[in-house]
Protein backbone atom coordinates (compact mmCIF):
# COMPACT_ATOMS: atom_id res chain seq x y z
CA MET A 1 -27.13 -14.90 1.52
CA SER A 2 -24.02 -15.77 3.57
CA PRO A 3 -20.78 -16.88 1.52
CA THR A 4 -20.58 -19.88 4.13
CA ALA A 5 -24.30 -21.24 3.10
CA VAL A 6 -24.52 -24.73 2.32
CA HIS A 7 -26.06 -25.46 -0.92
CA HIS A 8 -27.71 -28.84 -1.26
CA SER A 9 -28.21 -28.79 -4.67
CA GLY A 10 -24.94 -29.23 -5.32
CA LEU A 11 -24.62 -26.10 -7.22
CA GLY A 12 -21.99 -23.52 -6.02
CA HIS A 13 -22.74 -19.72 -5.23
CA VAL A 14 -21.73 -16.63 -7.11
CA THR A 15 -21.01 -13.06 -5.70
CA PHE A 16 -21.22 -10.13 -8.06
CA LEU A 17 -18.87 -7.52 -6.55
CA GLY A 18 -18.39 -4.20 -6.96
CA ALA A 19 -14.23 -3.78 -6.66
CA GLY A 20 -14.85 0.21 -6.83
CA PRO A 21 -12.75 2.40 -9.03
CA GLY A 22 -9.15 1.29 -8.53
CA ASP A 23 -8.32 2.16 -4.59
CA PRO A 24 -8.41 -1.24 -2.73
CA GLY A 25 -8.82 0.71 0.40
CA LEU A 26 -12.66 1.56 -1.14
CA LEU A 27 -13.42 -2.15 -0.77
CA THR A 28 -16.57 -2.62 1.66
CA LEU A 29 -16.31 -4.79 4.45
CA ARG A 30 -19.03 -7.11 3.04
CA ALA A 31 -16.74 -7.04 0.01
CA VAL A 32 -13.70 -8.71 2.25
CA GLU A 33 -15.94 -11.41 3.68
CA ALA A 34 -17.05 -12.54 0.56
CA LEU A 35 -13.51 -12.49 -0.46
CA ALA A 36 -12.31 -14.59 2.12
CA HIS A 37 -14.59 -17.20 1.32
CA ALA A 38 -14.10 -17.25 -2.34
CA ASP A 39 -12.84 -20.45 -4.02
CA MET A 40 -12.24 -18.96 -7.58
CA LEU A 41 -12.04 -15.34 -8.74
CA VAL A 42 -13.51 -13.99 -12.06
CA GLY A 43 -12.30 -10.76 -13.32
CA GLU A 44 -10.15 -8.49 -15.42
CA SER A 45 -6.62 -8.45 -14.48
CA HIS A 46 -6.92 -4.90 -13.10
CA VAL A 47 -9.75 -5.58 -11.23
CA LEU A 48 -8.01 -8.92 -9.84
CA GLU A 49 -5.17 -6.82 -8.72
CA VAL A 50 -7.49 -4.48 -6.29
CA VAL A 51 -9.39 -7.86 -4.66
CA ARG A 52 -6.71 -10.80 -4.84
CA THR A 53 -5.11 -9.39 -1.43
CA HIS A 54 -8.61 -10.58 0.36
CA ALA A 55 -8.88 -14.15 -1.07
CA ARG A 56 -7.17 -17.64 0.15
CA ALA A 57 -3.67 -18.36 -0.97
CA ASP A 58 -5.01 -21.00 -2.84
CA VAL A 59 -8.00 -19.22 -4.79
CA GLY A 60 -8.43 -19.93 -8.27
CA THR A 61 -8.36 -16.98 -10.58
CA ALA A 62 -9.72 -16.90 -14.03
CA GLU A 63 -9.75 -13.84 -16.63
CA PRO A 64 -12.36 -13.44 -19.25
CA ALA A 65 -11.05 -14.11 -22.82
CA ALA A 66 -11.21 -10.64 -24.56
CA GLY A 67 -13.37 -10.63 -27.46
CA GLU A 68 -14.56 -8.43 -30.33
CA GLY A 69 -16.74 -6.25 -27.42
CA ALA A 70 -17.85 -5.83 -24.10
CA LEU A 71 -20.54 -8.20 -24.80
CA ASP A 72 -18.29 -10.93 -25.96
CA ALA A 73 -16.07 -10.47 -22.89
CA SER A 74 -19.32 -10.89 -20.84
CA ALA A 75 -20.08 -13.89 -22.25
CA ALA A 76 -16.87 -15.42 -21.44
CA ALA A 77 -17.02 -14.22 -18.04
CA THR A 78 -20.61 -16.02 -18.26
CA GLN A 79 -19.23 -19.27 -19.10
CA LEU A 80 -15.99 -19.00 -16.72
CA VAL A 81 -18.26 -18.63 -13.54
CA MET A 82 -21.35 -20.86 -14.24
CA THR A 83 -18.90 -23.65 -15.14
CA SER A 84 -16.98 -23.18 -11.68
CA ALA A 85 -20.41 -22.86 -10.02
CA ARG A 86 -21.79 -26.16 -11.48
CA THR A 87 -18.62 -27.80 -9.80
CA GLY A 88 -20.24 -26.19 -6.22
CA LYS A 89 -17.39 -23.70 -5.88
CA ARG A 90 -18.07 -20.05 -4.61
CA VAL A 91 -17.43 -17.65 -7.43
CA VAL A 92 -16.52 -14.49 -7.04
CA ARG A 93 -17.04 -12.48 -10.01
CA ALA A 94 -15.22 -8.92 -9.55
CA VAL A 95 -16.22 -5.78 -12.01
CA ALA A 96 -14.78 -2.23 -11.73
CA GLY A 97 -16.89 -0.30 -10.28
CA ASP A 98 -20.68 -1.12 -9.08
CA PRO A 99 -22.40 -4.11 -10.62
CA GLY A 100 -25.16 -2.54 -10.35
CA LEU A 101 -24.46 0.22 -12.79
CA ASP A 102 -22.84 -2.44 -15.39
CA ASN A 103 -25.50 -3.59 -18.26
CA CYS A 104 -22.93 -6.43 -18.95
CA THR A 105 -23.09 -7.44 -15.54
CA ALA A 106 -26.61 -7.74 -15.35
CA SER A 107 -26.81 -9.99 -18.09
CA GLU A 108 -24.44 -12.44 -16.28
CA MET A 109 -27.12 -12.43 -13.30
CA LEU A 110 -29.83 -13.37 -15.85
CA ALA A 111 -27.86 -16.27 -16.66
CA CYS A 112 -27.35 -17.37 -13.28
CA ALA A 113 -31.17 -16.84 -12.15
CA ALA A 114 -31.76 -19.03 -15.26
CA ALA A 115 -29.95 -21.86 -14.98
CA GLY A 116 -31.04 -21.60 -11.22
CA ILE A 117 -27.29 -21.02 -9.68
CA PRO A 118 -27.65 -19.25 -6.43
CA PHE A 119 -26.07 -15.58 -6.56
CA GLU A 120 -25.91 -12.37 -4.54
CA VAL A 121 -24.96 -8.73 -5.03
CA VAL A 122 -22.24 -6.74 -3.20
CA PRO A 123 -22.45 -3.19 -4.44
CA GLY A 124 -19.15 -1.54 -5.17
CA VAL A 125 -18.37 2.31 -5.31
CA SER A 126 -18.95 3.66 -8.57
CA ALA A 127 -16.30 5.42 -10.45
CA ALA A 128 -18.93 8.39 -11.41
CA MET A 129 -19.21 8.95 -7.83
CA GLY A 130 -15.67 7.90 -6.33
CA VAL A 131 -13.71 9.82 -8.65
CA PRO A 132 -14.89 13.00 -8.50
CA ALA A 133 -14.58 12.94 -4.69
CA TYR A 134 -10.97 11.70 -5.01
CA ALA A 135 -10.52 14.67 -7.80
CA GLY A 136 -11.49 16.93 -5.36
CA VAL A 137 -14.81 17.95 -7.12
CA PRO A 138 -18.05 17.88 -4.78
CA LEU A 139 -21.20 16.61 -6.47
CA SER A 140 -24.14 18.86 -6.21
CA ALA A 141 -27.66 17.12 -5.79
CA ASP A 142 -28.98 18.44 -9.10
CA VAL A 143 -26.32 15.70 -11.16
CA ARG A 144 -26.73 13.75 -14.17
CA PHE A 145 -24.69 10.78 -14.76
CA VAL A 146 -24.15 10.02 -18.81
CA ASP A 147 -21.88 7.16 -20.34
CA ALA A 148 -20.59 9.17 -23.48
CA ALA A 149 -19.97 5.93 -25.70
CA THR A 150 -23.65 5.11 -25.60
CA ALA A 151 -25.34 8.44 -24.97
CA SER A 152 -28.11 9.46 -27.62
CA ASP A 153 -28.45 12.37 -29.42
CA ARG A 154 -31.73 12.70 -27.09
CA CYS A 155 -29.73 12.52 -24.28
CA TRP A 156 -26.64 15.39 -25.37
CA SER A 157 -29.70 17.84 -26.33
CA GLU A 158 -31.41 17.40 -22.82
CA VAL A 159 -27.90 17.80 -20.72
CA GLY A 160 -26.91 20.42 -23.07
CA ALA A 161 -29.73 22.56 -22.31
CA SER A 162 -29.56 21.63 -18.74
CA ASP A 163 -27.50 23.53 -15.58
CA ALA A 164 -27.01 20.48 -14.07
CA THR A 165 -23.78 19.41 -12.98
CA LEU A 166 -22.87 16.40 -15.41
CA VAL A 167 -20.74 13.30 -14.54
CA LEU A 168 -19.13 11.87 -17.89
CA THR A 169 -18.05 8.55 -17.94
CA THR A 170 -15.80 8.61 -21.44
CA THR A 171 -12.29 8.07 -22.61
CA LEU A 172 -9.24 10.82 -22.83
CA GLN A 173 -9.22 10.26 -26.30
CA THR A 174 -12.85 11.25 -26.77
CA VAL A 175 -13.12 13.98 -24.42
CA VAL A 176 -12.41 16.43 -26.76
CA ALA A 177 -15.23 15.15 -28.94
CA THR A 178 -17.56 15.16 -25.92
CA ALA A 179 -16.83 18.64 -24.93
CA ALA A 180 -17.58 19.97 -28.70
CA GLU A 181 -20.77 17.77 -28.47
CA LEU A 182 -22.23 19.50 -25.21
CA MET A 183 -21.27 22.71 -26.70
CA ALA A 184 -22.93 22.11 -29.83
CA ALA A 185 -25.92 20.97 -27.65
CA GLY A 186 -26.18 24.38 -26.00
CA ARG A 187 -23.42 24.29 -23.10
CA LYS A 188 -21.60 27.23 -23.28
CA PRO A 189 -18.11 27.28 -24.05
CA ASP A 190 -16.95 28.84 -20.72
CA THR A 191 -18.31 26.23 -18.63
CA PRO A 192 -15.60 24.60 -16.34
CA LEU A 193 -14.62 21.12 -16.82
CA SER A 194 -12.30 18.51 -15.04
CA VAL A 195 -11.13 15.45 -16.08
CA THR A 196 -9.52 12.73 -14.54
CA VAL A 197 -7.66 9.34 -15.59
CA ALA A 198 -6.75 6.63 -13.44
CA GLY A 199 -8.96 8.27 -10.44
CA THR A 200 -8.25 6.85 -6.79
CA THR A 201 -5.03 5.23 -7.40
CA THR A 202 -1.74 6.84 -7.17
CA ARG A 203 -1.62 7.04 -10.58
CA GLN A 204 -4.45 9.92 -10.93
CA ARG A 205 -4.23 12.56 -12.73
CA THR A 206 -6.72 15.60 -13.26
CA TRP A 207 -6.93 18.30 -15.63
CA THR A 208 -9.25 21.49 -15.10
CA ALA A 209 -10.13 23.71 -17.87
CA THR A 210 -13.58 24.79 -20.02
CA LEU A 211 -15.50 23.19 -22.61
CA ALA A 212 -13.44 25.16 -25.23
CA THR A 213 -10.22 25.03 -23.57
CA ILE A 214 -9.63 21.27 -22.58
CA ALA A 215 -8.18 20.18 -26.30
CA SER A 216 -5.38 22.82 -25.73
CA GLU A 217 -4.93 21.84 -22.33
CA LEU A 218 -4.39 18.17 -23.30
CA LYS A 219 -2.23 19.17 -25.75
CA ALA A 220 0.14 21.44 -23.56
CA THR A 221 0.63 18.61 -21.19
CA LYS A 222 1.40 16.39 -23.91
CA ALA A 223 -1.67 14.00 -22.55
CA LEU A 224 -2.28 13.07 -26.25
CA PRO A 225 -2.00 11.48 -28.22
CA THR A 226 -1.44 8.20 -26.20
CA PRO A 227 -0.39 4.93 -27.80
CA GLU A 228 -1.83 2.61 -24.85
CA GLY A 229 -5.41 2.54 -26.80
CA PRO A 230 -8.19 4.01 -25.15
CA ILE A 231 -7.81 5.23 -21.15
CA ALA A 232 -10.74 5.68 -19.22
CA ALA A 233 -11.65 9.10 -17.57
CA ILE A 234 -14.22 10.70 -15.63
CA ALA A 235 -15.05 14.41 -16.73
CA VAL A 236 -17.16 16.59 -14.49
CA VAL A 237 -19.06 19.50 -15.88
CA GLY A 238 -20.12 22.70 -14.35
CA GLN A 239 -19.62 25.08 -11.79
CA ARG A 240 -18.59 22.43 -9.11
CA SER A 241 -15.08 21.59 -11.02
CA LEU A 242 -14.18 24.86 -9.87
CA GLN A 243 -13.93 23.90 -6.47
CA ARG A 244 -10.97 21.56 -7.11
CA ALA A 245 -8.43 24.42 -6.04
CA GLN A 246 -9.68 24.25 -2.47
CA LEU A 247 -10.57 20.59 -2.30
CA SER A 248 -8.00 18.33 -4.06
CA TRP A 249 -6.94 16.48 -1.03
CA PHE A 250 -5.77 13.08 -2.83
CA GLU A 251 -3.49 14.31 -5.44
CA THR A 252 -1.81 16.78 -3.15
CA LYS A 253 -0.63 14.48 -0.50
CA PRO A 254 2.83 14.77 0.14
CA LEU A 255 4.47 11.81 -1.56
CA PHE A 256 1.64 11.17 -4.04
CA GLY A 257 2.91 8.96 -6.76
CA TRP A 258 6.42 8.72 -5.34
CA ARG A 259 7.47 5.40 -6.01
CA VAL A 260 9.51 4.52 -2.63
CA LEU A 261 11.86 1.82 -2.08
CA VAL A 262 11.80 0.26 1.54
CA PRO A 263 14.98 -2.31 1.93
CA ARG A 264 13.96 -4.21 5.05
CA THR A 265 12.86 -7.57 6.33
CA LYS A 266 9.48 -8.37 4.44
CA GLU A 267 8.32 -8.63 8.16
CA GLN A 268 9.58 -5.43 9.48
CA ALA A 269 8.39 -3.64 6.06
CA ALA A 270 4.57 -3.92 6.46
CA SER A 271 3.59 -0.81 8.76
CA LEU A 272 6.01 1.20 6.98
CA SER A 273 4.90 0.52 3.60
CA ASP A 274 1.32 1.25 5.41
CA GLN A 275 2.53 4.41 6.75
CA LEU A 276 3.69 5.43 3.11
CA ARG A 277 0.45 4.89 1.55
CA SER A 278 -0.77 7.27 3.54
CA TYR A 279 1.41 9.82 2.17
CA GLY A 280 0.21 8.82 -1.48
CA ALA A 281 3.48 6.97 -2.12
CA VAL A 282 3.62 3.67 -3.86
CA PRO A 283 5.69 1.23 -1.71
CA HIS A 284 8.16 -1.45 -3.02
CA GLU A 285 9.61 -3.62 -0.76
CA VAL A 286 12.89 -5.12 -1.68
CA PRO A 287 14.22 -7.50 1.33
CA THR A 288 17.57 -7.06 1.78
CA ILE A 289 18.26 -9.08 5.03
CA ALA A 290 17.19 -12.56 5.60
CA VAL A 291 16.29 -13.96 9.25
CA GLU A 292 17.61 -17.51 9.96
CA PRO A 293 18.14 -19.61 12.96
CA PRO A 294 21.51 -19.49 15.00
CA ARG A 295 23.88 -22.20 13.67
CA THR A 296 24.15 -23.79 17.25
CA PRO A 297 20.49 -23.86 18.75
CA GLN A 298 21.41 -25.27 22.03
CA GLN A 299 22.48 -21.78 23.93
CA MET A 300 19.05 -20.63 22.75
CA GLU A 301 17.51 -23.28 24.21
CA ARG A 302 19.17 -23.80 27.33
CA ALA A 303 18.18 -19.49 27.84
CA VAL A 304 14.42 -20.86 27.15
CA LYS A 305 14.58 -23.41 29.59
CA GLY A 306 16.31 -21.09 32.10
CA LEU A 307 13.86 -18.31 31.69
CA VAL A 308 10.98 -20.71 32.62
CA THR A 309 12.76 -22.17 35.69
CA GLY A 310 13.69 -18.62 37.23
CA ARG A 311 16.86 -17.92 36.12
CA TYR A 312 16.19 -14.14 34.90
CA GLU A 313 15.10 -11.33 36.71
CA TRP A 314 14.59 -9.68 33.03
CA ILE A 315 14.53 -10.38 29.67
CA ALA A 316 15.70 -7.48 27.05
CA PHE A 317 14.24 -7.44 23.52
CA THR A 318 16.42 -5.31 20.75
CA SER A 319 14.23 -6.19 17.94
CA VAL A 320 11.13 -7.72 16.36
CA ASN A 321 13.30 -10.67 15.01
CA ALA A 322 14.12 -10.97 18.81
CA VAL A 323 10.43 -11.50 19.42
CA LYS A 324 9.74 -13.88 16.84
CA ALA A 325 12.79 -15.77 17.79
CA VAL A 326 11.70 -16.34 21.24
CA ARG A 327 8.18 -16.97 20.30
CA GLU A 328 8.98 -19.32 18.05
CA LYS A 329 10.84 -21.32 20.55
CA PHE A 330 8.05 -21.04 23.10
CA GLU A 331 5.70 -22.80 20.71
CA GLU A 332 8.37 -25.73 20.10
CA TYR A 333 8.07 -26.56 23.64
CA GLY A 334 4.25 -26.26 23.96
CA LEU A 335 4.62 -22.81 25.58
CA ASP A 336 2.63 -19.28 25.55
CA ALA A 337 2.81 -15.87 26.88
CA ARG A 338 2.14 -17.32 30.67
CA ALA A 339 5.68 -18.39 30.75
CA PHE A 340 6.62 -14.80 31.28
CA ALA A 341 4.90 -14.33 34.67
CA GLY A 342 7.33 -13.02 37.13
CA ILE A 343 9.85 -11.87 34.83
CA LYS A 344 10.27 -8.13 33.93
CA VAL A 345 10.57 -7.51 30.11
CA ALA A 346 11.85 -4.65 28.42
CA ALA A 347 11.74 -3.53 24.94
CA VAL A 348 13.88 -1.55 22.59
CA GLY A 349 11.12 1.01 21.02
CA GLU A 350 7.53 1.15 19.83
CA GLN A 351 7.69 -1.56 17.31
CA THR A 352 9.58 -4.04 19.45
CA ALA A 353 7.00 -3.37 22.15
CA GLN A 354 3.48 -3.66 19.99
CA SER A 355 5.44 -7.58 18.52
CA LEU A 356 5.23 -8.23 22.34
CA VAL A 357 1.52 -7.01 22.93
CA GLU A 358 0.38 -9.13 20.10
CA PHE A 359 2.31 -11.98 21.83
CA GLY A 360 0.28 -11.34 24.83
CA VAL A 361 3.09 -9.66 26.70
CA LYS A 362 2.91 -5.76 28.11
CA PRO A 363 6.61 -4.71 28.40
CA ASP A 364 7.53 -3.10 31.68
CA LEU A 365 10.20 -0.87 30.21
CA VAL A 366 10.12 0.96 27.05
CA PRO A 367 12.42 3.74 26.71
CA SER A 368 11.25 7.20 27.42
CA GLY A 369 13.30 9.21 24.87
CA GLU A 370 15.84 7.46 22.44
CA GLN A 371 14.38 4.38 21.04
CA SER A 372 17.99 2.52 20.95
CA ALA A 373 20.18 0.49 23.18
CA ALA A 374 21.43 4.09 24.56
CA GLY A 375 17.64 5.20 25.46
CA LEU A 376 17.04 1.72 26.71
CA LEU A 377 20.00 1.83 29.17
CA GLU A 378 19.17 5.55 30.12
CA ASP A 379 16.01 4.17 31.93
CA TRP A 380 17.25 0.74 32.90
CA PRO A 381 17.42 0.35 36.82
CA PRO A 382 20.47 -0.40 38.54
CA TYR A 383 20.77 -3.82 40.43
CA ASP A 384 19.70 -3.75 43.78
CA PRO A 385 20.19 -6.78 45.85
CA VAL A 386 17.40 -6.34 48.49
CA PHE A 387 14.74 -5.48 45.72
CA ASP A 388 15.99 -7.72 43.09
CA PRO A 389 16.03 -11.78 44.02
CA ILE A 390 18.07 -12.39 40.80
CA ASP A 391 20.71 -10.57 39.29
CA ARG A 392 20.81 -11.65 35.50
CA VAL A 393 19.38 -10.49 32.30
CA PHE A 394 18.39 -12.72 29.17
CA LEU A 395 19.37 -10.83 26.15
CA PRO A 396 18.08 -12.35 23.12
CA ARG A 397 19.82 -11.03 20.03
CA ALA A 398 21.21 -11.14 16.41
CA ASP A 399 24.57 -12.39 15.59
CA ILE A 400 25.50 -9.11 15.29
CA ALA A 401 27.26 -8.09 18.53
CA THR A 402 25.38 -5.74 20.90
CA GLU A 403 28.41 -4.58 23.63
CA THR A 404 26.71 -0.99 24.36
CA LEU A 405 23.67 -2.80 25.70
CA VAL A 406 25.68 -5.53 27.20
CA ALA A 407 28.31 -3.21 28.45
CA GLY A 408 26.11 -0.97 30.03
CA LEU A 409 23.79 -3.40 31.94
CA VAL A 410 27.04 -5.13 33.63
CA GLU A 411 28.03 -1.40 34.64
CA LEU A 412 24.56 -1.46 36.41
CA GLY A 413 25.50 -4.44 38.17
CA TRP A 414 23.39 -7.01 36.18
CA GLU A 415 24.82 -10.23 34.67
CA VAL A 416 23.92 -10.56 31.12
CA ASP A 417 23.44 -14.10 29.07
CA ASP A 418 24.14 -12.44 25.41
CA VAL A 419 22.44 -15.13 23.27
CA THR A 420 22.42 -15.55 19.36
CA ALA A 421 18.57 -15.79 18.65
CA TYR A 422 19.01 -15.32 15.06
CA ARG A 423 21.25 -15.04 12.44
CA THR A 424 20.90 -11.86 9.47
CA VAL A 425 22.28 -12.80 6.13
CA ARG A 426 22.11 -10.82 2.83
CA ALA A 427 19.28 -11.74 0.88
CA SER A 428 19.22 -12.49 -2.94
CA PRO A 429 18.92 -10.12 -5.36
CA PRO A 430 15.78 -8.46 -6.55
CA PRO A 431 14.69 -9.30 -9.97
CA ALA A 432 16.38 -7.64 -12.75
CA ASP A 433 13.59 -4.79 -13.23
CA THR A 434 13.87 -3.79 -9.44
CA ARG A 435 17.24 -3.43 -9.91
CA GLU A 436 17.26 -1.56 -13.24
CA ALA A 437 14.82 0.73 -11.90
CA ILE A 438 17.47 1.07 -8.46
CA LYS A 439 19.91 2.08 -10.61
CA GLY A 440 18.20 4.03 -13.50
CA GLY A 441 16.27 6.29 -11.27
CA GLY A 442 13.10 4.45 -11.46
CA PHE A 443 12.46 4.96 -7.51
CA ASP A 444 11.56 8.44 -6.37
CA ALA A 445 12.90 7.40 -2.88
CA VAL A 446 14.57 5.13 -0.78
CA LEU A 447 14.51 4.66 2.89
CA PHE A 448 17.72 3.43 4.74
CA THR A 449 16.80 2.31 8.22
CA SER A 450 20.48 0.82 9.01
CA SER A 451 23.78 0.63 8.30
CA SER A 452 23.42 -2.86 6.87
CA THR A 453 20.26 -1.87 4.51
CA VAL A 454 22.79 0.42 2.88
CA ARG A 455 25.53 -2.00 2.62
CA ASN A 456 23.25 -5.07 1.65
CA LEU A 457 21.25 -2.83 -0.89
CA VAL A 458 24.30 -1.97 -3.04
CA GLY A 459 25.78 -5.05 -2.65
CA ILE A 460 22.34 -7.29 -4.09
CA ALA A 461 21.27 -4.42 -6.19
CA GLY A 462 23.70 -1.58 -7.01
CA LYS A 463 24.01 2.16 -5.86
CA PRO A 464 20.83 4.20 -6.65
CA HIS A 465 20.95 6.68 -9.00
CA ASN A 466 21.59 10.36 -8.04
CA VAL A 467 18.00 11.37 -9.02
CA THR A 468 16.63 9.44 -6.15
CA VAL A 469 15.86 11.01 -2.50
CA ILE A 470 17.76 8.97 0.26
CA ALA A 471 16.17 9.01 3.67
CA CYS A 472 18.31 7.72 6.58
CA ILE A 473 17.45 6.84 9.78
CA GLY A 474 20.24 8.14 11.97
CA PRO A 475 23.79 9.76 11.49
CA ALA A 476 25.32 6.46 11.73
CA THR A 477 23.25 5.03 8.88
CA ALA A 478 23.91 8.52 6.63
CA LYS A 479 27.60 8.14 7.20
CA THR A 480 27.49 4.91 5.83
CA ALA A 481 25.36 5.98 2.80
CA GLU A 482 27.86 8.79 2.09
CA GLU A 483 30.64 6.44 2.10
CA HIS A 484 28.80 4.34 -0.59
CA GLY A 485 28.67 7.65 -2.27
CA LEU A 486 25.28 8.64 -1.72
CA ARG A 487 23.97 11.99 -1.29
CA VAL A 488 21.87 11.87 1.56
CA ASP A 489 18.87 14.49 1.47
CA VAL A 490 16.67 13.61 4.52
CA MET A 491 17.51 12.69 8.22
CA SER A 492 15.07 11.69 10.51
CA PRO A 493 14.61 13.53 13.85
CA GLU A 494 14.78 10.38 15.94
CA PRO A 495 16.20 7.07 15.26
CA SER A 496 12.24 5.38 14.37
CA VAL A 497 10.96 4.20 10.94
CA HIS A 498 7.61 6.00 11.56
CA ALA A 499 9.76 9.86 12.04
CA LEU A 500 12.13 8.67 8.86
CA ALA A 501 8.78 7.97 6.87
CA GLN A 502 7.37 11.38 8.45
CA ALA A 503 10.47 13.35 7.53
CA LEU A 504 10.61 11.86 3.83
CA ALA A 505 6.55 13.00 3.66
CA ASP A 506 7.70 16.69 5.27
CA PHE A 507 10.35 16.95 2.80
CA GLY A 508 7.78 16.07 0.03
CA THR A 509 5.65 18.59 0.88
CA ALA A 510 8.48 21.23 1.44
CA ARG A 511 9.68 20.49 -2.17
CA ARG A 512 5.90 20.73 -3.76
CA VAL A 513 5.57 23.96 -2.09
CA ALA A 514 8.93 25.42 -3.32
CA ALA A 515 7.43 24.60 -6.99
CA GLU A 516 4.29 25.85 -6.42
CA ASP A 517 5.77 28.92 -5.48
CA ALA A 518 8.38 29.19 -8.27
CA GLY A 519 5.37 28.34 -10.62
CA ASP A 520 7.20 25.11 -11.80
CA PRO A 521 5.15 22.11 -12.42
CA VAL A 522 5.02 19.74 -9.57
CA THR A 523 7.12 16.31 -10.48
CA ARG A 524 8.37 13.71 -8.82
CA PRO A 525 12.45 12.99 -8.23
CA SER A 526 12.41 10.65 -10.98
CA GLU A 527 10.82 12.43 -13.91
CA ARG A 528 13.96 14.60 -13.64
CA ARG A 529 16.23 11.91 -14.58
CA PRO A 530 17.64 11.97 -18.63
CA GLY A 531 15.48 10.36 -20.62
CA SER A 532 12.31 10.19 -18.54
CA ARG A 533 9.36 10.76 -20.16
CA ARG A 534 7.72 14.08 -19.89
CA ARG A 535 4.05 13.46 -20.44
CA ALA A 536 1.76 12.56 -18.10
CA ARG A 537 1.67 8.87 -16.96
CA VAL A 538 -1.57 7.74 -17.17
């Protein structure tokens, strides 16, 4: 049943949706569609964190009240779901893993069926299947799945006598007792075992041992005891666990688990954060620059009108924000990309070019070399009165001067209308906990994409701790960082944010390899600071 269907009975509709084991990227396309149409989300807080991104901004949320046990929590969830559905709302009941493998969710479905409330089920990736894949432990065709909390003596006897690969849903605190149970049931003490917590998230941690040695392995890495309460774990018992050494692809990503500070404007941070996530990092976006309209808009208004009436041969965009400013002015006048007909368009780099394409404009000129004003000038043609009917260039820019580009264009014979399209101002300070993490070494790395981001971050939040890896987009930015007392660890090979992120990933890979070659544990930079917790974060 489609989530957009109309129910003439006056009742709403419930979608029991599998949110997967933790990685939001494992949500199915069907799940994303259902979330986009939801009026109410019901789920535990850690599940809502996974699914909320795909819901509307005005969606309601509700968390079942914690009871004495799972059945009490399920009863509370049932009440929330049915109350909302009876008012005609489209409710998404989000559960971890797959709802079809959850006994409590089954009881909630039965309650809806008994009340005549229409519902559907959107399967999800179960923890028992997804976590081993992220841990680099392939499962064989001969596999048994067991919930250690509900397994009977007969079940332990059967799996103990079997050679099948065993996938256990358990907790970190009880896995040692579970291993003992298996050995008592007949499994050999030297049977390989892997235990994974926080599976499929950037907090994932996996231990590899045998049934006999898992207790000493957990003790040696100070994983136990833990004060946080029961920590869910997936254990894989069998020879397949030995293949993890060759197949561990997730925890070996170059920046796995690194908290990386991205001090840019919010609009500019998104694509960079996506790239960092692909390297296993946890990006934390802190706007250091806010973009505001120019104090006097008349100059910009005259330039846009001149663009429409044929005053310019070229328009040159030196930033994504410049594209945004012109686009907003176009929309204010009821114009669209067709107003660029007959005008040549230049973009300073790939990101600016992409923002133009999204506007419906294909740039005529993008630097073939360095993505900067200097690179743009390298490829810019000189004014030719025979072939160029108009000698004027429209340059919408920030209130920060662009003398290099203006001077270069004038030298090539062009007249330039250098117009302030927007202002950049220092953003408000981030929350207190973010400022403390910056100064206290809570971040593993920070990416500086301009000298202004250095000055503004230090100004609004303080200087990053000396254990934090400092990565800069170019020599000028690095010089500013050093002037502020920062040690520059990574320099981008070219002035591109994507090249900067790749350079940080290469740094992370080299750091991991050096630790492994030296026989040292692979740690994040923030774990080196005084007072940092040595035991595994799970």
